[in-house]
Each structure stands twice: as C-alpha cells, then as structure tokens.
Amino acid sequence: MIVLAGTIGAGKTSLTGMIAEHLGTKAFYESVDDNQVLPLFYKDPKKYAFLLQIYFLNKRFDAIKEAFANDNDVLDRSIFEDSLLFKLNADLGRATQTEYDVYNDLLSNMMEELPFETHQKAPDLLIHIQVSFDTMLKRIQKRGRPFEQIDADPSLYKYYEQLNTRYAKWYDQYNESPKMQIDGDRLNFVEDEDARQEVLSMIDSKLRELHA
C-alpha cells in the first residue's frame, strides 16, 4: 500500500490518481466534496473540530482495510497525519486538550484492532509532497472551495501557515514506514507532463529499491 502526505493544496489527490493509473491499481480519496462536516468546521471550528476529526478517522480506517485487499493501492492521505492536524486545532484553541487526548487514545486503539495476520500496521511507502507556503496559498485559491478561502476568513492564514510549517517537521520525524519526498514547487506534476513523468520515475525507483 502506498499513501500520500502533504499539506492542503500540495497535490495529493492528483498524484494519487496518477500513481494508481500508472500502476494499474485502485485510488482511495479523502472524503472532502461529499463531507457534510467540513463546511461546518470552517464556519465554527471550535464546535466541529472534534467531530470532523472523528469523521476523517472513520473514513480513513475503512479505506485502509479495503486498500490492503490488493497490491499497490494508493491512499491520498496517511492516517498518521491525523494527529498532527488535530494537535494544530487544539493549539489554536479550536479543540480542547481533553478532546485531543481522547482522539489519540481512540486512534491507538483502532490501530491495535487491525488484525496483524490480515493487515500490516503501516504502508509500504509514504510519499510526502513538500510545497512552499506561497504555493499552498495559490493552489487553495485556484481550486476555489469557498470555505477554504482566506478572503472569507482571514484567520485561516495563520492556520495554513502553521500547518505548512508543521508538516515539514512531521515528515522529518515520521518513521512508521519507508518514505520519500517530492518537491512540489520544482515538480508541478499537475500541469507539467515532464514533471509528472519525472515524479512517476522517482516513485518507480523507490519501489524497486524496496523490492515492492
């Protein structure tokens, strides 16, 4: 199983589809456009942060179990990122420390419940797409989801800035599986065919290195 990681607007969804098509496997996407909780969270983060995190955890867990049924399925978000996202919400006052602790306990218990004889506990490869803060903001604006726009909620600027900074530290500390990093600023694989082929070649090389 291959999982993608990266901040909002990094290109995880696009690259997930490209990898799955390249390998002839199935792509699993984070529930965003059909997520009824996400718009509520952006309207009232303090009220809905915990509910949103539980929603994502439930959906992510379902995807992990289904993805392990085949070889080389690709998920556009790692479950190991969820704690980072929720910790940021807690630090910004959008969730309480108690909610954060309860969430982490639940996550730990759910991971323990994955039967080891059927499912491994971590992906075979994590691919992190690193983008600058400026690139992140431009892509959020370009994709045009109203509830994500800073113009509608200036407080999102600080949230996005902190999120981008923390992702870099998170990747450095990640040790659950083999990993690799893609420079999303240099390699605009969404719009540039040459960049797309270079990224897919990098991934192929990493998989060969891992004998996957």
Foldseek 3Di string as FASTA:
>chain_A
DEEEAEAALLCLVVLLVLQCVVVVHAEAEQPDPVDPLVLVCLVQLLVRVLVVLVVRLVSVLVVQLVQLVDPPRYYSHDPVCSLVLSVLCCVVVSYPPVSSVVSVVVSVVSLVPPPCVRHPSGDQEYEYEQEDLVSNLVSQVVVPDPSQHCVVPVVVSVVSVVRNVVVVVCVVPDDPHHYDYHHSVVQVLVPDVVSVVVVSVVVVVVCVVSVD
